[in-house]
Amino acid sequence: MNSHSSQVRLMAAATLLALLGSAAAEDINLVPISFHEIIGEVVDSTENSQFNIFGSITGFEAAKVYPHKTESYELHILRNMDGQAQILLKELHTEALVSLRKGIVERVTLPEGIDHVPDEAVFST
């Protein structure tokens, strides 16, 4: 399979994920939660690399968080594995989400003159 075909399949899978997420959100009246005002509702691969939020997850493409149950949330991570889209789901309790968001704030608002984010990811799966 060539690179273009893999990219088209991944884009189709990402579009399907977005549509399914939208449909599910409409059915139960849920919307993704913003990670931070600079990042928004989606951490993409560029932001993950720049701020080391989720570390080096093989094939990482994007991540979103949705309300799940009372006092818990669900982290959705989309990754590309050999041209195949894969969605990883992880339940987060409120404390874990608060810690993730706090870590993101620390990374995206690094003090003046500090241009290197820590080697340790904000969140490990």
PDB file of N, CA and C in Angstrom:
ATOM      1  N   MET A   1       0.861  -1.180   0.000  1.00  0.00           N
ATOM      2  CA  MET A   1       0.000   0.000   0.000  1.00  0.00           C
ATOM      3  C   MET A   1       0.898   1.230   0.000  1.00  0.00           C
ATOM      4  N   ASN A   2       0.566   2.176  -0.841  1.00  0.00           N
ATOM      5  CA  ASN A   2       1.427   3.357  -0.931  1.00  0.00           C
ATOM      6  C   ASN A   2       1.062   4.384   0.135  1.00  0.00           C
ATOM      7  N   SER A   3       1.930   5.375   0.277  1.00  0.00           N
ATOM      8  CA  SER A   3       1.763   6.394   1.304  1.00  0.00           C
ATOM      9  C   SER A   3       0.484   7.205   1.119  1.00  0.00           C
ATOM     10  N   HIS A   4       0.185   7.553  -0.154  1.00  0.00           N
ATOM     11  CA  HIS A   4      -1.027   8.340  -0.431  1.00  0.00           C
ATOM     12  C   HIS A   4      -2.273   7.566  -0.016  1.00  0.00           C
ATOM     13  N   SER A   5      -2.306   6.279  -0.334  1.00  0.00           N
ATOM     14  CA  SER A   5      -3.458   5.444   0.029  1.00  0.00           C
ATOM     15  C   SER A   5      -3.619   5.374   1.548  1.00  0.00           C
ATOM     16  N   SER A   6      -2.502   5.260   2.266  1.00  0.00           N
ATOM     17  CA  SER A   6      -2.541   5.227   3.736  1.00  0.00           C
ATOM     18  C   SER A   6      -3.077   6.535   4.294  1.00  0.00           C
ATOM     19  N   GLN A   7      -2.636   7.663   3.698  1.00  0.00           N
ATOM     20  CA  GLN A   7      -3.094   8.961   4.173  1.00  0.00           C
ATOM     21  C   GLN A   7      -4.583   9.134   3.936  1.00  0.00           C
ATOM     22  N   VAL A   8      -5.056   8.686   2.766  1.00  0.00           N
ATOM     23  CA  VAL A   8      -6.482   8.792   2.462  1.00  0.00           C
ATOM     24  C   VAL A   8      -7.291   7.945   3.436  1.00  0.00           C
ATOM     25  N   ARG A   9      -6.822   6.736   3.717  1.00  0.00           N
ATOM     26  CA  ARG A   9      -7.538   5.859   4.653  1.00  0.00           C
ATOM     27  C   ARG A   9      -7.554   6.453   6.054  1.00  0.00           C
ATOM     28  N   LEU A  10      -6.427   7.021   6.469  1.00  0.00           N
ATOM     29  CA  LEU A  10      -6.367   7.625   7.795  1.00  0.00           C
ATOM     30  C   LEU A  10      -7.284   8.837   7.876  1.00  0.00           C
ATOM     31  N   MET A  11      -7.298   9.666   6.827  1.00  0.00           N
ATOM     32  CA  MET A  11      -8.181  10.830   6.829  1.00  0.00           C
ATOM     33  C   MET A  11      -9.640  10.384   6.869  1.00  0.00           C
ATOM     34  N   ALA A  12      -9.967   9.322   6.142  1.00  0.00           N
ATOM     35  CA  ALA A  12     -11.333   8.807   6.160  1.00  0.00           C
ATOM     36  C   ALA A  12     -11.691   8.296   7.550  1.00  0.00           C
ATOM     37  N   ALA A  13     -10.752   7.613   8.195  1.00  0.00           N
ATOM     38  CA  ALA A  13     -11.002   7.107   9.543  1.00  0.00           C
ATOM     39  C   ALA A  13     -11.167   8.259  10.533  1.00  0.00           C
ATOM     40  N   ALA A  14     -10.344   9.294  10.394  1.00  0.00           N
ATOM     41  CA  ALA A  14     -10.455  10.454  11.289  1.00  0.00           C
ATOM     42  C   ALA A  14     -11.791  11.159  11.087  1.00  0.00           C
ATOM     43  N   THR A  15     -12.214  11.265   9.822  1.00  0.00           N
ATOM     44  CA  THR A  15     -13.510  11.882   9.530  1.00  0.00           C
ATOM     45  C   THR A  15     -14.628  11.057  10.141  1.00  0.00           C
ATOM     46  N   LEU A  16     -14.529   9.731   9.986  1.00  0.00           N
ATOM     47  CA  LEU A  16     -15.534   8.846  10.578  1.00  0.00           C
ATOM     48  C   LEU A  16     -15.553   8.996  12.090  1.00  0.00           C
ATOM     49  N   LEU A  17     -14.375   9.070  12.708  1.00  0.00           N
ATOM     50  CA  LEU A  17     -14.303   9.272  14.156  1.00  0.00           C
ATOM     51  C   LEU A  17     -14.989  10.568  14.557  1.00  0.00           C
ATOM     52  N   ALA A  18     -14.732  11.628  13.806  1.00  0.00           N
ATOM     53  CA  ALA A  18     -15.356  12.919  14.111  1.00  0.00           C
ATOM     54  C   ALA A  18     -16.870  12.835  13.957  1.00  0.00           C
ATOM     55  N   LEU A  19     -17.320  12.187  12.896  1.00  0.00           N
ATOM     56  CA  LEU A  19     -18.765  12.050  12.675  1.00  0.00           C
ATOM     57  C   LEU A  19     -19.411  11.191  13.750  1.00  0.00           C
ATOM     58  N   LEU A  20     -18.763  10.072  14.082  1.00  0.00           N
ATOM     59  CA  LEU A  20     -19.314   9.206  15.127  1.00  0.00           C
ATOM     60  C   LEU A  20     -19.329   9.933  16.464  1.00  0.00           C
ATOM     61  N   GLY A  21     -18.249  10.664  16.727  1.00  0.00           N
ATOM     62  CA  GLY A  21     -18.200  11.437  17.965  1.00  0.00           C
ATOM     63  C   GLY A  21     -19.303  12.466  18.004  1.00  0.00           C
ATOM     64  N   SER A  22     -19.540  13.135  16.864  1.00  0.00           N
ATOM     65  CA  SER A  22     -20.607  14.135  16.796  1.00  0.00           C
ATOM     66  C   SER A  22     -21.962  13.500  16.975  1.00  0.00           C
ATOM     67  N   ALA A  23     -22.176  12.362  16.312  1.00  0.00           N
ATOM     68  CA  ALA A  23     -23.467  11.683  16.423  1.00  0.00           C
ATOM     69  C   ALA A  23     -23.698  11.207  17.852  1.00  0.00           C
ATOM     70  N   ALA A  24     -22.652  10.615  18.441  1.00  0.00           N
ATOM     71  CA  ALA A  24     -22.799  10.140  19.820  1.00  0.00           C
ATOM     72  C   ALA A  24     -23.045  11.310  20.755  1.00  0.00           C
ATOM     73  N   ALA A  25     -22.318  12.412  20.515  1.00  0.00           N
ATOM     74  CA  ALA A  25     -22.481  13.587  21.377  1.00  0.00           C
ATOM     75  C   ALA A  25     -23.893  14.138  21.250  1.00  0.00           C
ATOM     76  N   GLU A  26     -24.454  14.159  20.042  1.00  0.00           N
ATOM     77  CA  GLU A  26     -25.806  14.669  19.858  1.00  0.00           C
ATOM     78  C   GLU A  26     -26.829  13.747  20.498  1.00  0.00           C
ATOM     79  N   ASP A  27     -26.623  12.433  20.363  1.00  0.00           N
ATOM     80  CA  ASP A  27     -27.574  11.476  20.910  1.00  0.00           C
ATOM     81  C   ASP A  27     -27.673  11.582  22.425  1.00  0.00           C
ATOM     82  N   ILE A  28     -26.551  11.813  23.090  1.00  0.00           N
ATOM     83  CA  ILE A  28     -26.587  11.880  24.547  1.00  0.00           C
ATOM     84  C   ILE A  28     -26.183  13.260  25.064  1.00  0.00           C
ATOM     85  N   ASN A  29     -26.173  14.223  24.158  1.00  0.00           N
ATOM     86  CA  ASN A  29     -25.937  15.614  24.518  1.00  0.00           C
ATOM     87  C   ASN A  29     -24.580  15.836  25.195  1.00  0.00           C
ATOM     88  N   LEU A  30     -23.525  15.241  24.623  1.00  0.00           N
ATOM     89  CA  LEU A  30     -22.172  15.414  25.141  1.00  0.00           C
ATOM     90  C   LEU A  30     -21.297  16.067  24.091  1.00  0.00           C
ATOM     91  N   VAL A  31     -20.368  16.859  24.536  1.00  0.00           N
ATOM     92  CA  VAL A  31     -19.390  17.468  23.642  1.00  0.00           C
ATOM     93  C   VAL A  31     -18.001  17.271  24.248  1.00  0.00           C
ATOM     94  N   PRO A  32     -16.966  17.256  23.390  1.00  0.00           N
ATOM     95  CA  PRO A  32     -15.617  17.115  23.944  1.00  0.00           C
ATOM     96  C   PRO A  32     -15.301  18.265  24.896  1.00  0.00           C
ATOM     97  N   ILE A  33     -14.430  17.973  25.830  1.00  0.00           N
ATOM     98  CA  ILE A  33     -13.998  18.956  26.820  1.00  0.00           C
ATOM     99  C   ILE A  33     -12.706  19.607  26.331  1.00  0.00           C
ATOM    100  N   SER A  34     -12.581  20.899  26.500  1.00  0.00           N
ATOM    101  CA  SER A  34     -11.372  21.606  26.118  1.00  0.00           C
ATOM    102  C   SER A  34     -10.226  21.235  27.067  1.00  0.00           C
ATOM    103  N   PHE A  35      -9.078  20.947  26.476  1.00  0.00           N
ATOM    104  CA  PHE A  35      -7.885  20.680  27.285  1.00  0.00           C
ATOM    105  C   PHE A  35      -7.353  21.975  27.879  1.00  0.00           C
ATOM    106  N   HIS A  36      -7.320  23.028  27.050  1.00  0.00           N
ATOM    107  CA  HIS A  36      -6.797  24.331  27.445  1.00  0.00           C
ATOM    108  C   HIS A  36      -7.166  25.299  26.336  1.00  0.00           C
ATOM    109  N   GLU A  37      -7.301  26.578  26.647  1.00  0.00           N
ATOM    110  CA  GLU A  37      -7.711  27.555  25.626  1.00  0.00           C
ATOM    111  C   GLU A  37      -6.753  27.617  24.440  1.00  0.00           C
ATOM    112  N   ILE A  38      -5.478  27.351  24.637  1.00  0.00           N
ATOM    113  CA  ILE A  38      -4.521  27.350  23.524  1.00  0.00           C
ATOM    114  C   ILE A  38      -4.661  26.079  22.685  1.00  0.00           C
ATOM    115  N   ILE A  39      -4.901  24.962  23.338  1.00  0.00           N
ATOM    116  CA  ILE A  39      -5.000  23.662  22.667  1.00  0.00           C
ATOM    117  C   ILE A  39      -6.404  23.424  22.117  1.00  0.00           C
ATOM    118  N   GLY A  40      -7.412  23.781  22.879  1.00  0.00           N
ATOM    119  CA  GLY A  40      -8.793  23.515  22.471  1.00  0.00           C
ATOM    120  C   GLY A  40      -9.241  22.116  22.847  1.00  0.00           C
ATOM    121  N   GLU A  41     -10.157  21.564  22.052  1.00  0.00           N
ATOM    122  CA  GLU A  41     -10.748  20.257  22.353  1.00  0.00           C
ATOM    123  C   GLU A  41      -9.931  19.092  21.816  1.00  0.00           C
ATOM    124  N   VAL A  42      -8.962  19.360  20.950  1.00  0.00           N
ATOM    125  CA  VAL A  42      -8.178  18.292  20.315  1.00  0.00           C
ATOM    126  C   VAL A  42      -6.688  18.565  20.500  1.00  0.00           C
ATOM    127  N   VAL A  43      -5.970  17.558  20.990  1.00  0.00           N
ATOM    128  CA  VAL A  43      -4.507  17.598  20.980  1.00  0.00           C
ATOM    129  C   VAL A  43      -4.106  16.862  19.715  1.00  0.00           C
ATOM    130  N   ASP A  44      -3.484  17.576  18.767  1.00  0.00           N
ATOM    131  CA  ASP A  44      -3.059  16.911  17.538  1.00  0.00           C
ATOM    132  C   ASP A  44      -1.601  16.462  17.675  1.00  0.00           C
ATOM    133  N   SER A  45      -1.095  15.792  16.648  1.00  0.00           N
ATOM    134  CA  SER A  45       0.259  15.235  16.735  1.00  0.00           C
ATOM    135  C   SER A  45       1.325  16.319  16.879  1.00  0.00           C
ATOM    136  N   THR A  46       1.109  17.478  16.261  1.00  0.00           N
ATOM    137  CA  THR A  46       2.071  18.578  16.376  1.00  0.00           C
ATOM    138  C   THR A  46       2.126  19.087  17.814  1.00  0.00           C
ATOM    139  N   GLU A  47       0.953  19.311  18.409  1.00  0.00           N
ATOM    140  CA  GLU A  47       0.906  19.783  19.806  1.00  0.00           C
ATOM    141  C   GLU A  47       1.471  18.735  20.751  1.00  0.00           C
ATOM    142  N   ASN A  48       1.183  17.459  20.485  1.00  0.00           N
ATOM    143  CA  ASN A  48       1.726  16.406  21.337  1.00  0.00           C
ATOM    144  C   ASN A  48       3.251  16.408  21.280  1.00  0.00           C
ATOM    145  N   SER A  49       3.802  16.550  20.086  1.00  0.00           N
ATOM    146  CA  SER A  49       5.263  16.599  19.948  1.00  0.00           C
ATOM    147  C   SER A  49       5.844  17.851  20.593  1.00  0.00           C
ATOM    148  N   GLN A  50       5.191  18.987  20.367  1.00  0.00           N
ATOM    149  CA  GLN A  50       5.694  20.269  20.873  1.00  0.00           C
ATOM    150  C   GLN A  50       5.682  20.329  22.396  1.00  0.00           C
ATOM    151  N   PHE A  51       4.608  19.827  23.015  1.00  0.00           N
ATOM    152  CA  PHE A  51       4.452  19.962  24.464  1.00  0.00           C
ATOM    153  C   PHE A  51       4.645  18.653  25.236  1.00  0.00           C
ATOM    154  N   ASN A  52       4.907  17.547  24.528  1.00  0.00           N
ATOM    155  CA  ASN A  52       5.101  16.232  25.153  1.00  0.00           C
ATOM    156  C   ASN A  52       3.954  15.908  26.117  1.00  0.00           C
ATOM    157  N   ILE A  53       2.740  15.956  25.614  1.00  0.00           N
ATOM    158  CA  ILE A  53       1.568  15.729  26.461  1.00  0.00           C
ATOM    159  C   ILE A  53       1.339  14.242  26.703  1.00  0.00           C
ATOM    160  N   PHE A  54       1.291  13.464  25.627  1.00  0.00           N
ATOM    161  CA  PHE A  54       1.034  12.023  25.752  1.00  0.00           C
ATOM    162  C   PHE A  54       2.270  11.181  25.461  1.00  0.00           C
ATOM    163  N   GLY A  55       3.401  11.821  25.263  1.00  0.00           N
ATOM    164  CA  GLY A  55       4.629  11.088  24.999  1.00  0.00           C
ATOM    165  C   GLY A  55       4.673  10.558  23.580  1.00  0.00           C
ATOM    166  N   SER A  56       5.449   9.518  23.393  1.00  0.00           N
ATOM    167  CA  SER A  56       5.680   8.990  22.048  1.00  0.00           C
ATOM    168  C   SER A  56       4.813   7.759  21.785  1.00  0.00           C
ATOM    169  N   ILE A  57       3.526   7.956  21.717  1.00  0.00           N
ATOM    170  CA  ILE A  57       2.611   6.869  21.360  1.00  0.00           C
ATOM    171  C   ILE A  57       2.789   6.623  19.868  1.00  0.00           C
ATOM    172  N   THR A  58       3.104   5.415  19.502  1.00  0.00           N
ATOM    173  CA  THR A  58       3.323   5.073  18.103  1.00  0.00           C
ATOM    174  C   THR A  58       2.120   5.453  17.256  1.00  0.00           C
ATOM    175  N   GLY A  59       2.351   6.236  16.211  1.00  0.00           N
ATOM    176  CA  GLY A  59       1.290   6.607  15.283  1.00  0.00           C
ATOM    177  C   GLY A  59       0.294   7.621  15.806  1.00  0.00           C
ATOM    178  N   PHE A  60       0.607   8.300  16.895  1.00  0.00           N
ATOM    179  CA  PHE A  60      -0.328   9.259  17.490  1.00  0.00           C
ATOM    180  C   PHE A  60      -0.778  10.281  16.453  1.00  0.00           C
ATOM    181  N   GLU A  61      -2.103  10.477  16.369  1.00  0.00           N
ATOM    182  CA  GLU A  61      -2.683  11.471  15.467  1.00  0.00           C
ATOM    183  C   GLU A  61      -3.421  12.561  16.240  1.00  0.00           C
ATOM    184  N   ALA A  62      -4.250  12.175  17.223  1.00  0.00           N
ATOM    185  CA  ALA A  62      -5.058  13.166  17.945  1.00  0.00           C
ATOM    186  C   ALA A  62      -5.641  12.547  19.204  1.00  0.00           C
ATOM    187  N   ALA A  63      -6.070  13.430  20.126  1.00  0.00           N
ATOM    188  CA  ALA A  63      -6.733  12.978  21.357  1.00  0.00           C
ATOM    189  C   ALA A  63      -7.838  13.953  21.729  1.00  0.00           C
ATOM    190  N   LYS A  64      -8.918  13.415  22.285  1.00  0.00           N
ATOM    191  CA  LYS A  64     -10.040  14.207  22.799  1.00  0.00           C
ATOM    192  C   LYS A  64     -10.498  13.581  24.111  1.00  0.00           C
ATOM    193  N   VAL A  65     -11.176  14.381  24.929  1.00  0.00           N
ATOM    194  CA  VAL A  65     -11.767  13.876  26.173  1.00  0.00           C
ATOM    195  C   VAL A  65     -13.259  14.190  26.161  1.00  0.00           C
ATOM    196  N   TYR A  66     -14.062  13.202  26.529  1.00  0.00           N
ATOM    197  CA  TYR A  66     -15.516  13.357  26.612  1.00  0.00           C
ATOM    198  C   TYR A  66     -15.990  13.036  28.019  1.00  0.00           C
ATOM    199  N   PRO A  67     -17.039  13.718  28.490  1.00  0.00           N
ATOM    200  CA  PRO A  67     -17.669  13.283  29.739  1.00  0.00           C
ATOM    201  C   PRO A  67     -18.145  11.851  29.543  1.00  0.00           C
ATOM    202  N   HIS A  68     -18.039  11.027  30.566  1.00  0.00           N
ATOM    203  CA  HIS A  68     -18.391   9.616  30.422  1.00  0.00           C
ATOM    204  C   HIS A  68     -19.473   9.217  31.417  1.00  0.00           C
ATOM    205  N   LYS A  69     -19.125   9.234  32.657  1.00  0.00           N
ATOM    206  CA  LYS A  69     -20.064   8.904  33.737  1.00  0.00           C
ATOM    207  C   LYS A  69     -19.920   9.987  34.796  1.00  0.00           C
ATOM    208  N   THR A  70     -20.721   9.889  35.828  1.00  0.00           N
ATOM    209  CA  THR A  70     -20.576  10.830  36.928  1.00  0.00           C
ATOM    210  C   THR A  70     -19.150  10.760  37.451  1.00  0.00           C
ATOM    211  N   GLU A  71     -18.506  11.901  37.473  1.00  0.00           N
ATOM    212  CA  GLU A  71     -17.142  12.025  37.987  1.00  0.00           C
ATOM    213  C   GLU A  71     -16.102  11.243  37.193  1.00  0.00           C
ATOM    214  N   SER A  72     -16.397  10.917  35.920  1.00  0.00           N
ATOM    215  CA  SER A  72     -15.369  10.290  35.090  1.00  0.00           C
ATOM    216  C   SER A  72     -15.516  10.743  33.643  1.00  0.00           C
ATOM    217  N   TYR A  73     -14.448  10.554  32.901  1.00  0.00           N
ATOM    218  CA  TYR A  73     -14.349  11.016  31.525  1.00  0.00           C
ATOM    219  C   TYR A  73     -13.718   9.910  30.700  1.00  0.00           C
ATOM    220  N   GLU A  74     -13.769  10.052  29.382  1.00  0.00           N
ATOM    221  CA  GLU A  74     -13.148   9.064  28.520  1.00  0.00           C
ATOM    222  C   GLU A  74     -12.199   9.763  27.558  1.00  0.00           C
ATOM    223  N   LEU A  75     -10.953   9.335  27.594  1.00  0.00           N
ATOM    224  CA  LEU A  75      -9.923   9.851  26.706  1.00  0.00           C
ATOM    225  C   LEU A  75      -9.930   8.999  25.442  1.00  0.00           C
ATOM    226  N   HIS A  76     -10.053   9.645  24.283  1.00  0.00           N
ATOM    227  CA  HIS A  76     -10.006   8.973  22.989  1.00  0.00           C
ATOM    228  C   HIS A  76      -8.715   9.370  22.302  1.00  0.00           C
ATOM    229  N   ILE A  77      -7.880   8.385  21.987  1.00  0.00           N
ATOM    230  CA  ILE A  77      -6.632   8.636  21.276  1.00  0.00           C
ATOM    231  C   ILE A  77      -6.717   7.934  19.927  1.00  0.00           C
ATOM    232  N   LEU A  78      -6.554   8.712  18.866  1.00  0.00           N
ATOM    233  CA  LEU A  78      -6.546   8.170  17.508  1.00  0.00           C
ATOM    234  C   LEU A  78      -5.102   7.997  17.086  1.00  0.00           C
ATOM    235  N   ARG A  79      -4.777   6.806  16.595  1.00  0.00           N
ATOM    236  CA  ARG A  79      -3.426   6.591  16.097  1.00  0.00           C
ATOM    237  C   ARG A  79      -3.466   5.804  14.790  1.00  0.00           C
ATOM    238  N   ASN A  80      -2.400   5.936  14.028  1.00  0.00           N
ATOM    239  CA  ASN A  80      -2.248   5.273  12.742  1.00  0.00           C
ATOM    240  C   ASN A  80      -1.271   4.126  12.924  1.00  0.00           C
ATOM    241  N   MET A  81      -1.783   2.905  12.761  1.00  0.00           N
ATOM    242  CA  MET A  81      -0.941   1.719  12.892  1.00  0.00           C
ATOM    243  C   MET A  81      -0.876   1.029  11.538  1.00  0.00           C
ATOM    244  N   ASP A  82       0.240   1.207  10.827  1.00  0.00           N
ATOM    245  CA  ASP A  82       0.430   0.599   9.506  1.00  0.00           C
ATOM    246  C   ASP A  82      -0.707   0.938   8.551  1.00  0.00           C
ATOM    247  N   GLY A  83      -1.124   2.206   8.552  1.00  0.00           N
ATOM    248  CA  GLY A  83      -2.167   2.656   7.649  1.00  0.00           C
ATOM    249  C   GLY A  83      -3.577   2.360   8.128  1.00  0.00           C
ATOM    250  N   GLN A  84      -3.713   1.781   9.288  1.00  0.00           N
ATOM    251  CA  GLN A  84      -5.021   1.464   9.855  1.00  0.00           C
ATOM    252  C   GLN A  84      -5.287   2.390  11.042  1.00  0.00           C
ATOM    253  N   ALA A  85      -6.448   2.992  11.066  1.00  0.00           N
ATOM    254  CA  ALA A  85      -6.805   3.857  12.197  1.00  0.00           C
ATOM    255  C   ALA A  85      -7.156   2.981  13.394  1.00  0.00           C
ATOM    256  N   GLN A  86      -6.711   3.410  14.549  1.00  0.00           N
ATOM    257  CA  GLN A  86      -7.000   2.692  15.792  1.00  0.00           C
ATOM    258  C   GLN A  86      -7.369   3.723  16.844  1.00  0.00           C
ATOM    259  N   ILE A  87      -8.414   3.450  17.601  1.00  0.00           N
ATOM    260  CA  ILE A  87      -8.834   4.360  18.661  1.00  0.00           C
ATOM    261  C   ILE A  87      -8.585   3.675  19.997  1.00  0.00           C
ATOM    262  N   LEU A  88      -7.802   4.328  20.829  1.00  0.00           N
ATOM    263  CA  LEU A  88      -7.556   3.843  22.182  1.00  0.00           C
ATOM    264  C   LEU A  88      -8.475   4.603  23.121  1.00  0.00           C
ATOM    265  N   LEU A  89      -9.155   3.896  24.010  1.00  0.00           N
ATOM    266  CA  LEU A  89     -10.060   4.518  24.969  1.00  0.00           C
ATOM    267  C   LEU A  89      -9.524   4.286  26.371  1.00  0.00           C
ATOM    268  N   LYS A  90      -9.552   5.337  27.168  1.00  0.00           N
ATOM    269  CA  LYS A  90      -9.089   5.220  28.562  1.00  0.00           C
ATOM    270  C   LYS A  90     -10.021   6.025  29.450  1.00  0.00           C
ATOM    271  N   GLU A  91     -10.529   5.392  30.469  1.00  0.00           N
ATOM    272  CA  GLU A  91     -11.388   6.098  31.417  1.00  0.00           C
ATOM    273  C   GLU A  91     -10.515   6.932  32.350  1.00  0.00           C
ATOM    274  N   LEU A  92     -10.937   8.173  32.570  1.00  0.00           N
ATOM    275  CA  LEU A  92     -10.234   9.078  33.476  1.00  0.00           C
ATOM    276  C   LEU A  92     -11.187   9.512  34.579  1.00  0.00           C
ATOM    277  N   HIS A  93     -10.736   9.412  35.802  1.00  0.00           N
ATOM    278  CA  HIS A  93     -11.530   9.975  36.896  1.00  0.00           C
ATOM    279  C   HIS A  93     -11.233  11.475  36.957  1.00  0.00           C
ATOM    280  N   THR A  94     -12.050  12.194  37.647  1.00  0.00           N
ATOM    281  CA  THR A  94     -11.926  13.649  37.717  1.00  0.00           C
ATOM    282  C   THR A  94     -10.510  14.075  38.090  1.00  0.00           C
ATOM    283  N   GLU A  95      -9.910  13.405  39.073  1.00  0.00           N
ATOM    284  CA  GLU A  95      -8.568  13.774  39.526  1.00  0.00           C
ATOM    285  C   GLU A  95      -7.550  13.641  38.394  1.00  0.00           C
ATOM    286  N   ALA A  96      -7.676  12.580  37.580  1.00  0.00           N
ATOM    287  CA  ALA A  96      -6.741  12.373  36.477  1.00  0.00           C
ATOM    288  C   ALA A  96      -6.911  13.457  35.408  1.00  0.00           C
ATOM    289  N   LEU A  97      -8.159  13.842  35.129  1.00  0.00           N
ATOM    290  CA  LEU A  97      -8.395  14.903  34.155  1.00  0.00           C
ATOM    291  C   LEU A  97      -7.845  16.235  34.664  1.00  0.00           C
ATOM    292  N   VAL A  98      -8.063  16.532  35.929  1.00  0.00           N
ATOM    293  CA  VAL A  98      -7.539  17.769  36.517  1.00  0.00           C
ATOM    294  C   VAL A  98      -6.010  17.783  36.421  1.00  0.00           C
ATOM    295  N   SER A  99      -5.383  16.658  36.702  1.00  0.00           N
ATOM    296  CA  SER A  99      -3.927  16.556  36.627  1.00  0.00           C
ATOM    297  C   SER A  99      -3.441  16.723  35.178  1.00  0.00           C
ATOM    298  N   LEU A 100      -4.131  16.107  34.231  1.00  0.00           N
ATOM    299  CA  LEU A 100      -3.776  16.244  32.814  1.00  0.00           C
ATOM    300  C   LEU A 100      -3.871  17.690  32.369  1.00  0.00           C
ATOM    301  N   ARG A 101      -4.983  18.339  32.697  1.00  0.00           N
ATOM    302  CA  ARG A 101      -5.166  19.742  32.297  1.00  0.00           C
ATOM    303  C   ARG A 101      -4.130  20.642  32.963  1.00  0.00           C
ATOM    304  N   LYS A 102      -3.814  20.389  34.224  1.00  0.00           N
ATOM    305  CA  LYS A 102      -2.800  21.183  34.932  1.00  0.00           C
ATOM    306  C   LYS A 102      -1.437  21.022  34.253  1.00  0.00           C
ATOM    307  N   GLY A 103      -1.102  19.787  33.887  1.00  0.00           N
ATOM    308  CA  GLY A 103       0.161  19.539  33.192  1.00  0.00           C
ATOM    309  C   GLY A 103       0.223  20.236  31.847  1.00  0.00           C
ATOM    310  N   ILE A 104      -0.908  20.257  31.135  1.00  0.00           N
ATOM    311  CA  ILE A 104      -0.961  20.941  29.844  1.00  0.00           C
ATOM    312  C   ILE A 104      -0.750  22.434  30.035  1.00  0.00           C
ATOM    313  N   VAL A 105      -1.406  23.015  31.035  1.00  0.00           N
ATOM    314  CA  VAL A 105      -1.235  24.445  31.324  1.00  0.00           C
ATOM    315  C   VAL A 105       0.239  24.753  31.592  1.00  0.00           C
ATOM    316  N   GLU A 106       0.894  23.913  32.379  1.00  0.00           N
ATOM    317  CA  GLU A 106       2.311  24.134  32.684  1.00  0.00           C
ATOM    318  C   GLU A 106       3.172  24.079  31.424  1.00  0.00           C
ATOM    319  N   ARG A 107       2.806  23.204  30.483  1.00  0.00           N
ATOM    320  CA  ARG A 107       3.595  23.059  29.259  1.00  0.00           C
ATOM    321  C   ARG A 107       3.358  24.198  28.279  1.00  0.00           C
ATOM    322  N   VAL A 108       2.117  24.606  28.107  1.00  0.00           N
ATOM    323  CA  VAL A 108       1.827  25.627  27.091  1.00  0.00           C
ATOM    324  C   VAL A 108       2.128  27.038  27.585  1.00  0.00           C
ATOM    325  N   THR A 109       2.364  27.190  28.864  1.00  0.00           N
ATOM    326  CA  THR A 109       2.671  28.509  29.418  1.00  0.00           C
ATOM    327  C   THR A 109       4.055  28.510  30.070  1.00  0.00           C
ATOM    328  N   LEU A 110       5.033  27.890  29.392  1.00  0.00           N
ATOM    329  CA  LEU A 110       6.394  27.864  29.930  1.00  0.00           C
ATOM    330  C   LEU A 110       6.906  29.289  30.123  1.00  0.00           C
ATOM    331  N   PRO A 111       7.631  29.536  31.207  1.00  0.00           N
ATOM    332  CA  PRO A 111       8.175  30.878  31.453  1.00  0.00           C
ATOM    333  C   PRO A 111       9.090  31.329  30.318  1.00  0.00           C
ATOM    334  N   GLU A 112       9.196  32.625  30.143  1.00  0.00           N
ATOM    335  CA  GLU A 112      10.059  33.242  29.135  1.00  0.00           C
ATOM    336  C   GLU A 112      11.471  32.695  29.265  1.00  0.00           C
ATOM    337  N   GLY A 113      12.061  32.336  28.160  1.00  0.00           N
ATOM    338  CA  GLY A 113      13.448  31.868  28.161  1.00  0.00           C
ATOM    339  C   GLY A 113      13.585  30.359  28.285  1.00  0.00           C
ATOM    340  N   ILE A 114      12.522  29.669  28.654  1.00  0.00           N
ATOM    341  CA  ILE A 114      12.575  28.213  28.740  1.00  0.00           C
ATOM    342  C   ILE A 114      11.936  27.667  27.470  1.00  0.00           C
ATOM    343  N   ASP A 115      12.742  27.009  26.657  1.00  0.00           N
ATOM    344  CA  ASP A 115      12.220  26.527  25.379  1.00  0.00           C
ATOM    345  C   ASP A 115      12.224  25.004  25.276  1.00  0.00           C
ATOM    346  N   HIS A 116      12.482  24.325  26.381  1.00  0.00           N
ATOM    347  CA  HIS A 116      12.510  22.867  26.365  1.00  0.00           C
ATOM    348  C   HIS A 116      11.493  22.325  27.365  1.00  0.00           C
ATOM    349  N   VAL A 117      10.596  21.500  26.870  1.00  0.00           N
ATOM    350  CA  VAL A 117       9.633  20.877  27.780  1.00  0.00           C
ATOM    351  C   VAL A 117      10.295  19.656  28.413  1.00  0.00           C
ATOM    352  N   PRO A 118       9.841  19.251  29.578  1.00  0.00           N
ATOM    353  CA  PRO A 118      10.427  18.078  30.235  1.00  0.00           C
ATOM    354  C   PRO A 118      10.320  16.824  29.368  1.00  0.00           C
ATOM    355  N   ASP A 119      11.278  15.907  29.557  1.00  0.00           N
ATOM    356  CA  ASP A 119      11.284  14.657  28.798  1.00  0.00           C
ATOM    357  C   ASP A 119      10.133  13.738  29.182  1.00  0.00           C
ATOM    358  N   GLU A 120       9.635  13.881  30.395  1.00  0.00           N
ATOM    359  CA  GLU A 120       8.523  13.037  30.850  1.00  0.00           C
ATOM    360  C   GLU A 120       7.204  13.598  30.332  1.00  0.00           C
ATOM    361  N   ALA A 121       6.381  12.722  29.760  1.00  0.00           N
ATOM    362  CA  ALA A 121       5.077  13.126  29.243  1.00  0.00           C
ATOM    363  C   ALA A 121       4.170  13.580  30.380  1.00  0.00           C
ATOM    364  N   VAL A 122       3.238  14.470  30.042  1.00  0.00           N
ATOM    365  CA  VAL A 122       2.237  14.914  31.034  1.00  0.00           C
ATOM    366  C   VAL A 122       1.381  13.729  31.446  1.00  0.00           C
ATOM    367  N   PHE A 123       1.005  12.897  30.475  1.00  0.00           N
ATOM    368  CA  PHE A 123       0.098  11.772  30.731  1.00  0.00           C
ATOM    369  C   PHE A 123       0.624  10.531  30.036  1.00  0.00           C
ATOM    370  N   SER A 124       0.673   9.417  30.748  1.00  0.00           N
ATOM    371  CA  SER A 124       1.088   8.152  30.170  1.00  0.00           C
ATOM    372  C   SER A 124      -0.099   7.196  30.116  1.00  0.00           C
ATOM    373  N   THR A 125      -0.247   6.533  28.982  1.00  0.00           N
ATOM    374  CA  THR A 125      -1.344   5.567  28.849  1.00  0.00           C
ATOM    375  C   THR A 125      -0.968   4.224  29.375  1.00  0.00           C
TER     376      THR A 125
END
